[in-house]
């Protein structure tokens, strides 16, 4: 959908001659938007994969240099794609909107960007982020960790008598 920043990612890929793999559903995307995306896909430098099965998505993310999570006008409530990329050892560059500042520790498992220059700098430094940093960050957001944290909070509330 347009809120996910695909237009910006395509523009940057064209301007800087980046390779770009586009993964995702067409939910919320009208025919004109989809035509815009497909016209820019050449099958070699810019590729549209659509929505992928889990194993294929994992393979693509593991081979990626990084993930562009460019949502300039959308307050993402939870960036599952950020966590998926990190679990695959892949760093992310994102605007600090919605949940992204909670998911990305700048220069640890990705980069928070405020401008085009920040995005370009992040892409140029994806290789400086150790894959293990990304995996550790992703693992802290597992279902198991979430359940453990809920139990810890419930215990704290019970102990304090709230």
N, C-alpha and C. Protein backbone atom coordinates (compact mmCIF):
# COMPACT_ATOMS: atom_id res chain seq x y z
N UNK A 1 0.84 -1.18 0.00
CA UNK A 1 0.00 0.00 0.00
C UNK A 1 0.89 1.24 0.00
N UNK A 2 0.38 2.36 -0.44
CA UNK A 2 1.20 3.57 -0.54
C UNK A 2 1.79 4.00 0.81
N UNK A 3 1.09 3.71 1.91
CA UNK A 3 1.58 4.09 3.23
C UNK A 3 2.90 3.41 3.57
N UNK A 4 3.19 2.31 2.93
CA UNK A 4 4.40 1.54 3.22
C UNK A 4 5.64 2.12 2.54
N UNK A 5 5.49 3.17 1.75
CA UNK A 5 6.65 3.87 1.20
C UNK A 5 7.28 3.24 -0.02
N UNK A 6 6.53 2.42 -0.74
CA UNK A 6 7.12 1.76 -1.92
C UNK A 6 7.56 2.78 -2.97
N UNK A 7 6.82 3.87 -3.12
CA UNK A 7 7.21 4.89 -4.09
C UNK A 7 8.57 5.48 -3.76
N UNK A 8 8.81 5.75 -2.48
CA UNK A 8 10.09 6.29 -2.04
C UNK A 8 11.22 5.27 -2.28
N UNK A 9 10.96 4.02 -1.96
CA UNK A 9 11.97 2.98 -2.17
C UNK A 9 12.32 2.85 -3.65
N UNK A 10 11.31 2.89 -4.51
CA UNK A 10 11.56 2.80 -5.96
C UNK A 10 12.34 4.02 -6.44
N UNK A 11 11.97 5.19 -5.97
CA UNK A 11 12.66 6.43 -6.37
C UNK A 11 14.12 6.38 -5.96
N UNK A 12 14.39 5.95 -4.72
CA UNK A 12 15.77 5.86 -4.24
C UNK A 12 16.56 4.81 -5.03
N UNK A 13 15.93 3.68 -5.32
CA UNK A 13 16.60 2.63 -6.09
C UNK A 13 16.97 3.13 -7.48
N UNK A 14 16.07 3.88 -8.10
CA UNK A 14 16.37 4.45 -9.41
C UNK A 14 17.49 5.48 -9.31
N UNK A 15 17.40 6.38 -8.36
CA UNK A 15 18.36 7.46 -8.23
C UNK A 15 19.76 6.95 -7.92
N UNK A 16 19.87 5.95 -7.04
CA UNK A 16 21.18 5.47 -6.59
C UNK A 16 21.59 4.15 -7.24
N UNK A 17 20.79 3.67 -8.18
CA UNK A 17 21.10 2.43 -8.92
C UNK A 17 21.24 1.23 -7.99
N UNK A 18 20.36 1.19 -6.96
CA UNK A 18 20.37 0.06 -6.04
C UNK A 18 19.59 -1.10 -6.63
N UNK A 19 19.96 -2.30 -6.24
CA UNK A 19 19.10 -3.46 -6.49
C UNK A 19 18.00 -3.40 -5.45
N UNK A 20 16.80 -3.78 -5.86
CA UNK A 20 15.66 -3.72 -4.95
C UNK A 20 14.75 -4.91 -5.18
N UNK A 21 14.52 -5.67 -4.13
CA UNK A 21 13.55 -6.76 -4.15
C UNK A 21 12.34 -6.30 -3.36
N UNK A 22 11.18 -6.32 -3.99
CA UNK A 22 9.95 -5.88 -3.35
C UNK A 22 9.15 -7.11 -2.96
N UNK A 23 8.84 -7.20 -1.67
CA UNK A 23 8.09 -8.35 -1.14
C UNK A 23 6.84 -7.80 -0.46
N UNK A 24 5.71 -8.41 -0.72
CA UNK A 24 4.51 -8.01 0.00
C UNK A 24 3.25 -8.20 -0.83
N UNK A 25 2.15 -8.12 -0.14
CA UNK A 25 0.86 -8.28 -0.79
C UNK A 25 0.45 -6.99 -1.48
N UNK A 26 -0.59 -7.08 -2.25
CA UNK A 26 -1.13 -5.89 -2.93
C UNK A 26 -2.31 -5.31 -2.16
N UNK A 27 -2.51 -5.73 -0.92
CA UNK A 27 -3.61 -5.24 -0.10
C UNK A 27 -3.54 -3.72 0.01
N UNK A 28 -4.62 -3.04 -0.29
CA UNK A 28 -4.69 -1.60 -0.19
C UNK A 28 -4.10 -0.86 -1.37
N UNK A 29 -3.67 -1.60 -2.38
CA UNK A 29 -3.02 -1.01 -3.55
C UNK A 29 -4.00 -1.03 -4.72
N UNK A 30 -4.29 0.15 -5.28
CA UNK A 30 -5.21 0.16 -6.42
C UNK A 30 -4.44 -0.15 -7.71
N UNK A 31 -5.19 -0.28 -8.82
CA UNK A 31 -4.57 -0.68 -10.09
C UNK A 31 -3.50 0.30 -10.54
N UNK A 32 -3.72 1.59 -10.36
CA UNK A 32 -2.75 2.60 -10.76
C UNK A 32 -1.45 2.49 -9.98
N UNK A 33 -1.58 2.24 -8.68
CA UNK A 33 -0.39 2.09 -7.84
C UNK A 33 0.38 0.85 -8.23
N UNK A 34 -0.35 -0.24 -8.48
CA UNK A 34 0.32 -1.49 -8.86
C UNK A 34 1.00 -1.34 -10.21
N UNK A 35 0.36 -0.64 -11.14
CA UNK A 35 0.98 -0.40 -12.46
C UNK A 35 2.26 0.41 -12.29
N UNK A 36 2.22 1.41 -11.42
CA UNK A 36 3.41 2.23 -11.14
C UNK A 36 4.57 1.35 -10.67
N UNK A 37 4.28 0.44 -9.74
CA UNK A 37 5.32 -0.45 -9.22
C UNK A 37 5.83 -1.38 -10.32
N UNK A 38 4.93 -2.03 -11.02
CA UNK A 38 5.33 -3.02 -12.02
C UNK A 38 6.10 -2.39 -13.18
N UNK A 39 5.78 -1.15 -13.55
CA UNK A 39 6.50 -0.47 -14.63
C UNK A 39 7.97 -0.26 -14.27
N UNK A 40 8.27 -0.18 -13.02
CA UNK A 40 9.64 0.07 -12.58
C UNK A 40 10.43 -1.21 -12.31
N UNK A 41 9.75 -2.33 -12.38
CA UNK A 41 10.42 -3.61 -12.16
C UNK A 41 10.96 -4.13 -13.49
N UNK A 42 12.28 -4.34 -13.53
CA UNK A 42 12.89 -4.83 -14.77
C UNK A 42 13.25 -6.31 -14.68
N UNK A 43 13.04 -6.92 -13.52
CA UNK A 43 13.32 -8.34 -13.36
C UNK A 43 14.77 -8.65 -13.03
N UNK A 44 15.65 -7.67 -13.14
CA UNK A 44 17.04 -7.93 -12.77
C UNK A 44 17.49 -7.02 -11.63
N UNK A 45 17.44 -5.69 -11.81
CA UNK A 45 17.85 -4.79 -10.73
C UNK A 45 16.70 -4.52 -9.77
N UNK A 46 15.49 -4.40 -10.28
CA UNK A 46 14.30 -4.17 -9.45
C UNK A 46 13.31 -5.30 -9.72
N UNK A 47 12.99 -6.04 -8.65
CA UNK A 47 12.15 -7.24 -8.79
C UNK A 47 10.97 -7.19 -7.82
N UNK A 48 9.81 -7.60 -8.31
CA UNK A 48 8.63 -7.72 -7.46
C UNK A 48 8.34 -9.20 -7.25
N UNK A 49 8.33 -9.62 -6.00
CA UNK A 49 8.12 -11.01 -5.64
C UNK A 49 6.67 -11.32 -5.25
N UNK A 50 5.95 -10.31 -4.82
CA UNK A 50 4.61 -10.55 -4.30
C UNK A 50 4.69 -11.04 -2.86
N UNK A 51 3.64 -11.66 -2.43
CA UNK A 51 3.61 -12.21 -1.07
C UNK A 51 4.25 -13.60 -1.12
N UNK A 52 5.24 -13.83 -0.25
CA UNK A 52 6.00 -15.08 -0.30
C UNK A 52 5.63 -16.02 0.84
N UNK A 53 5.78 -17.31 0.56
CA UNK A 53 5.67 -18.31 1.62
C UNK A 53 6.82 -18.08 2.60
N UNK A 54 6.65 -18.54 3.82
CA UNK A 54 7.60 -18.28 4.88
C UNK A 54 9.04 -18.68 4.51
N UNK A 55 9.24 -19.87 3.97
CA UNK A 55 10.59 -20.33 3.66
C UNK A 55 11.25 -19.46 2.60
N UNK A 56 10.51 -19.09 1.57
CA UNK A 56 11.06 -18.25 0.52
C UNK A 56 11.36 -16.84 1.04
N UNK A 57 10.46 -16.32 1.87
CA UNK A 57 10.68 -15.00 2.47
C UNK A 57 11.95 -15.03 3.32
N UNK A 58 12.11 -16.09 4.08
CA UNK A 58 13.31 -16.24 4.92
C UNK A 58 14.57 -16.24 4.05
N UNK A 59 14.53 -16.98 2.97
CA UNK A 59 15.69 -17.05 2.08
C UNK A 59 16.04 -15.69 1.48
N UNK A 60 15.03 -14.98 1.01
CA UNK A 60 15.25 -13.65 0.42
C UNK A 60 15.80 -12.69 1.48
N UNK A 61 15.22 -12.70 2.68
CA UNK A 61 15.68 -11.80 3.73
C UNK A 61 17.09 -12.15 4.21
N UNK A 62 17.42 -13.44 4.27
CA UNK A 62 18.76 -13.83 4.70
C UNK A 62 19.83 -13.39 3.70
N UNK A 63 19.47 -13.32 2.44
CA UNK A 63 20.43 -12.92 1.41
C UNK A 63 20.46 -11.41 1.18
N UNK A 64 19.52 -10.69 1.75
CA UNK A 64 19.44 -9.24 1.56
C UNK A 64 20.55 -8.52 2.33
N UNK A 65 21.03 -7.43 1.77
CA UNK A 65 22.00 -6.59 2.47
C UNK A 65 21.30 -5.84 3.60
N UNK A 66 20.03 -5.51 3.39
CA UNK A 66 19.25 -4.80 4.38
C UNK A 66 17.82 -4.65 3.93
N UNK A 67 16.99 -4.16 4.83
CA UNK A 67 15.58 -3.94 4.55
C UNK A 67 15.27 -2.45 4.62
N UNK A 68 14.63 -1.94 3.57
CA UNK A 68 14.14 -0.56 3.58
C UNK A 68 12.72 -0.60 4.13
N UNK A 69 12.51 0.00 5.28
CA UNK A 69 11.19 0.06 5.92
C UNK A 69 10.82 1.54 5.97
N UNK A 70 10.44 2.06 4.81
CA UNK A 70 10.29 3.51 4.64
C UNK A 70 8.81 3.90 4.63
N UNK A 71 8.30 4.17 5.81
CA UNK A 71 6.89 4.56 5.96
C UNK A 71 6.84 6.02 6.40
N UNK A 72 6.98 6.95 5.44
CA UNK A 72 7.07 8.36 5.81
C UNK A 72 5.79 8.96 6.37
N UNK A 73 4.65 8.35 6.10
CA UNK A 73 3.39 8.95 6.55
C UNK A 73 2.51 7.96 7.30
N UNK A 74 3.09 6.89 7.80
CA UNK A 74 2.30 5.84 8.46
C UNK A 74 2.92 5.53 9.81
N UNK A 75 2.12 5.61 10.84
CA UNK A 75 2.56 5.26 12.20
C UNK A 75 2.37 3.76 12.39
N UNK A 76 3.34 3.00 11.97
CA UNK A 76 3.28 1.53 12.04
C UNK A 76 3.08 1.08 13.48
N UNK A 77 1.96 0.39 13.78
CA UNK A 77 1.73 -0.04 15.16
C UNK A 77 2.72 -1.10 15.61
N UNK A 78 3.10 -2.00 14.71
CA UNK A 78 4.14 -2.99 15.02
C UNK A 78 4.74 -3.44 13.72
N UNK A 79 6.03 -3.28 13.56
CA UNK A 79 6.71 -3.61 12.31
C UNK A 79 7.16 -5.05 12.28
N UNK A 80 6.24 -5.96 11.99
CA UNK A 80 6.58 -7.37 11.93
C UNK A 80 7.70 -7.63 10.92
N UNK A 81 7.69 -6.91 9.80
CA UNK A 81 8.74 -7.08 8.80
C UNK A 81 10.11 -6.74 9.34
N UNK A 82 10.19 -5.78 10.24
CA UNK A 82 11.46 -5.43 10.87
C UNK A 82 11.97 -6.60 11.70
N UNK A 83 11.09 -7.19 12.47
CA UNK A 83 11.46 -8.32 13.32
C UNK A 83 11.85 -9.51 12.44
N UNK A 84 11.08 -9.78 11.38
CA UNK A 84 11.41 -10.89 10.48
C UNK A 84 12.79 -10.70 9.87
N UNK A 85 13.08 -9.49 9.40
CA UNK A 85 14.40 -9.22 8.81
C UNK A 85 15.49 -9.43 9.85
N UNK A 86 15.30 -8.88 11.05
CA UNK A 86 16.30 -9.03 12.09
C UNK A 86 16.53 -10.50 12.44
N UNK A 87 15.46 -11.28 12.53
CA UNK A 87 15.62 -12.71 12.84
C UNK A 87 16.43 -13.43 11.77
N UNK A 88 16.43 -12.88 10.56
CA UNK A 88 17.22 -13.45 9.46
C UNK A 88 18.64 -12.88 9.43
N UNK A 89 18.98 -12.03 10.41
CA UNK A 89 20.30 -11.44 10.46
C UNK A 89 20.45 -10.22 9.58
N UNK A 90 19.34 -9.64 9.18
CA UNK A 90 19.34 -8.52 8.23
C UNK A 90 19.01 -7.21 8.93
N UNK A 91 19.87 -6.19 8.76
CA UNK A 91 19.59 -4.88 9.35
C UNK A 91 18.49 -4.15 8.58
N UNK A 92 17.94 -3.13 9.23
CA UNK A 92 16.80 -2.39 8.68
C UNK A 92 17.10 -0.90 8.77
N UNK A 93 16.64 -0.15 7.77
CA UNK A 93 16.63 1.30 7.88
C UNK A 93 15.17 1.73 7.85
N UNK A 94 14.79 2.59 8.80
CA UNK A 94 13.40 3.01 8.92
C UNK A 94 13.32 4.43 9.46
N UNK A 95 12.21 5.07 9.17
CA UNK A 95 11.92 6.35 9.80
C UNK A 95 11.48 6.09 11.23
N UNK A 96 11.80 6.98 12.17
CA UNK A 96 11.39 6.77 13.56
C UNK A 96 9.91 7.13 13.77
N UNK A 97 9.04 6.33 13.19
CA UNK A 97 7.59 6.55 13.27
C UNK A 97 6.94 5.31 13.87
N UNK A 98 5.88 5.53 14.61
CA UNK A 98 5.17 4.40 15.19
C UNK A 98 6.08 3.59 16.10
N UNK A 99 6.13 2.29 15.88
CA UNK A 99 6.89 1.39 16.76
C UNK A 99 8.36 1.27 16.40
N UNK A 100 8.79 1.85 15.28
CA UNK A 100 10.17 1.59 14.84
C UNK A 100 11.25 1.98 15.85
N UNK A 101 11.11 3.08 16.59
CA UNK A 101 12.17 3.37 17.57
C UNK A 101 12.27 2.33 18.68
N UNK A 102 11.20 1.58 18.91
CA UNK A 102 11.24 0.52 19.91
C UNK A 102 11.86 -0.75 19.35
N UNK A 103 11.87 -0.89 18.03
CA UNK A 103 12.36 -2.10 17.39
C UNK A 103 13.80 -2.00 16.89
N UNK A 104 14.24 -0.77 16.63
CA UNK A 104 15.57 -0.57 16.06
C UNK A 104 16.43 0.24 17.01
N UNK A 105 17.55 -0.36 17.40
CA UNK A 105 18.58 0.36 18.16
C UNK A 105 19.56 0.87 17.11
N UNK A 106 19.61 2.18 16.94
CA UNK A 106 20.39 2.79 15.86
C UNK A 106 21.84 2.30 15.85
N UNK A 107 22.25 1.79 14.70
CA UNK A 107 23.60 1.27 14.43
C UNK A 107 23.89 -0.03 15.17
N UNK A 108 22.87 -0.64 15.79
CA UNK A 108 23.03 -1.93 16.45
C UNK A 108 22.39 -3.03 15.61
N UNK A 109 21.09 -2.89 15.32
CA UNK A 109 20.39 -3.85 14.48
C UNK A 109 19.76 -3.17 13.26
N UNK A 110 20.12 -1.92 13.05
CA UNK A 110 19.58 -1.17 11.93
C UNK A 110 19.85 0.31 12.12
N UNK A 111 19.10 1.11 11.39
CA UNK A 111 19.32 2.55 11.39
C UNK A 111 17.99 3.29 11.39
N UNK A 112 17.93 4.36 12.16
CA UNK A 112 16.78 5.25 12.13
C UNK A 112 17.17 6.44 11.26
N UNK A 113 16.33 6.76 10.31
CA UNK A 113 16.65 7.80 9.33
C UNK A 113 15.64 8.93 9.39
N UNK A 114 16.13 10.15 9.23
CA UNK A 114 15.27 11.32 9.19
C UNK A 114 15.25 11.98 7.82
N UNK A 115 16.15 11.55 6.93
CA UNK A 115 16.28 12.21 5.64
C UNK A 115 16.78 11.22 4.58
N UNK A 116 16.74 11.66 3.34
CA UNK A 116 17.29 10.86 2.24
C UNK A 116 18.77 10.56 2.51
N UNK A 117 19.50 11.55 2.98
CA UNK A 117 20.93 11.35 3.26
C UNK A 117 21.14 10.28 4.31
N UNK A 118 20.28 10.26 5.33
CA UNK A 118 20.37 9.23 6.38
C UNK A 118 20.12 7.84 5.80
N UNK A 119 19.15 7.74 4.90
CA UNK A 119 18.83 6.45 4.28
C UNK A 119 20.01 5.96 3.47
N UNK A 120 20.58 6.83 2.64
CA UNK A 120 21.72 6.47 1.81
C UNK A 120 22.90 6.05 2.68
N UNK A 121 23.16 6.80 3.74
CA UNK A 121 24.24 6.46 4.66
C UNK A 121 24.00 5.09 5.30
N UNK A 122 22.77 4.83 5.70
CA UNK A 122 22.43 3.53 6.30
C UNK A 122 22.67 2.40 5.31
N UNK A 123 22.19 2.56 4.09
CA UNK A 123 22.37 1.52 3.07
C UNK A 123 23.86 1.26 2.86
N UNK A 124 24.66 2.31 2.87
CA UNK A 124 26.10 2.16 2.69
C UNK A 124 26.78 1.50 3.88
N UNK A 125 26.10 1.46 5.02
CA UNK A 125 26.68 0.87 6.23
C UNK A 125 25.95 -0.39 6.70
N UNK A 126 25.06 -0.94 5.88
CA UNK A 126 24.39 -2.19 6.27
C UNK A 126 25.41 -3.26 6.64
N UNK A 127 26.50 -3.33 5.91
CA UNK A 127 27.52 -4.36 6.16
C UNK A 127 28.25 -4.20 7.48
N UNK A 128 28.13 -3.04 8.11
CA UNK A 128 28.78 -2.81 9.41
C UNK A 128 27.98 -3.38 10.57
N UNK A 129 26.76 -3.79 10.32
CA UNK A 129 25.89 -4.31 11.38
C UNK A 129 26.04 -5.83 11.43
N UNK A 130 26.57 -6.36 12.53
CA UNK A 130 26.72 -7.82 12.63
C UNK A 130 25.36 -8.53 12.59
N UNK A 131 25.24 -9.57 11.76
CA UNK A 131 23.97 -10.32 11.71
C UNK A 131 23.52 -10.80 13.09
N UNK A 132 24.47 -11.15 13.95
CA UNK A 132 24.10 -11.64 15.29
C UNK A 132 23.38 -10.55 16.08
N UNK A 133 23.78 -9.29 15.93
CA UNK A 133 23.07 -8.19 16.60
C UNK A 133 21.60 -8.17 16.18
N UNK A 134 21.39 -8.37 14.89
CA UNK A 134 20.03 -8.35 14.36
C UNK A 134 19.22 -9.51 14.92
N UNK A 135 19.82 -10.70 14.92
CA UNK A 135 19.11 -11.88 15.41
C UNK A 135 18.75 -11.73 16.89
N UNK A 136 19.68 -11.23 17.69
CA UNK A 136 19.41 -11.04 19.12
C UNK A 136 18.26 -10.05 19.30
N UNK A 137 18.27 -8.96 18.53
CA UNK A 137 17.18 -7.97 18.63
C UNK A 137 15.85 -8.61 18.26
N UNK A 138 15.82 -9.40 17.21
CA UNK A 138 14.59 -10.07 16.80
C UNK A 138 14.09 -11.06 17.83
N UNK A 139 15.02 -11.79 18.44
CA UNK A 139 14.65 -12.81 19.42
C UNK A 139 14.05 -12.21 20.68
N UNK A 140 14.41 -10.97 21.00
CA UNK A 140 13.83 -10.34 22.20
C UNK A 140 12.35 -10.07 22.01
N UNK A 141 11.87 -10.19 20.77
CA UNK A 141 10.46 -9.92 20.48
C UNK A 141 9.69 -11.18 20.10
N UNK A 142 10.17 -12.32 20.54
CA UNK A 142 9.49 -13.58 20.23
C UNK A 142 8.19 -13.71 21.04
N UNK A 143 7.33 -14.60 20.62
CA UNK A 143 6.09 -14.87 21.37
C UNK A 143 6.41 -15.35 22.77
N UNK A 144 7.46 -16.17 22.87
CA UNK A 144 7.85 -16.69 24.17
C UNK A 144 8.29 -15.56 25.10
N UNK A 145 9.09 -14.64 24.56
CA UNK A 145 9.56 -13.51 25.37
C UNK A 145 8.39 -12.62 25.77
N UNK A 146 7.46 -12.43 24.84
CA UNK A 146 6.29 -11.62 25.15
C UNK A 146 5.49 -12.27 26.29
N UNK A 147 5.29 -13.58 26.22
CA UNK A 147 4.54 -14.28 27.27
C UNK A 147 5.27 -14.18 28.61
N UNK A 148 6.60 -14.36 28.58
CA UNK A 148 7.38 -14.22 29.81
C UNK A 148 7.22 -12.83 30.41
N UNK A 149 7.28 -11.83 29.56
CA UNK A 149 7.19 -10.44 30.04
C UNK A 149 5.80 -10.15 30.63
N UNK A 150 4.76 -10.67 29.98
CA UNK A 150 3.41 -10.51 30.53
C UNK A 150 3.34 -11.13 31.92
N UNK A 151 3.87 -12.33 32.07
CA UNK A 151 3.85 -12.98 33.38
C UNK A 151 4.61 -12.16 34.42
N UNK A 152 5.77 -11.61 34.01
CA UNK A 152 6.53 -10.75 34.92
C UNK A 152 5.71 -9.53 35.34
N UNK A 153 5.03 -8.92 34.39
CA UNK A 153 4.22 -7.74 34.70
C UNK A 153 3.04 -8.09 35.60
N UNK A 154 2.38 -9.22 35.32
CA UNK A 154 1.26 -9.65 36.16
C UNK A 154 1.75 -9.90 37.59
N UNK A 155 2.92 -10.54 37.74
CA UNK A 155 3.49 -10.80 39.05
C UNK A 155 3.78 -9.49 39.77
N UNK A 156 4.35 -8.52 39.05
CA UNK A 156 4.65 -7.21 39.63
C UNK A 156 3.38 -6.50 40.10
N UNK A 157 2.34 -6.55 39.29
CA UNK A 157 1.06 -5.92 39.66
C UNK A 157 0.48 -6.59 40.89
N UNK A 158 0.53 -7.92 40.90
CA UNK A 158 0.00 -8.66 42.05
C UNK A 158 0.78 -8.33 43.32
N UNK A 159 2.11 -8.28 43.24
CA UNK A 159 2.94 -7.99 44.39
C UNK A 159 2.72 -6.59 44.93
N UNK A 160 2.44 -5.63 44.04
CA UNK A 160 2.25 -4.24 44.46
C UNK A 160 0.80 -3.97 44.84
N UNK A 161 -0.08 -4.94 44.60
CA UNK A 161 -1.47 -4.80 44.99
C UNK A 161 -2.25 -3.79 44.16
N UNK A 162 -1.86 -3.59 42.93
CA UNK A 162 -2.57 -2.63 42.08
C UNK A 162 -3.89 -3.15 41.68
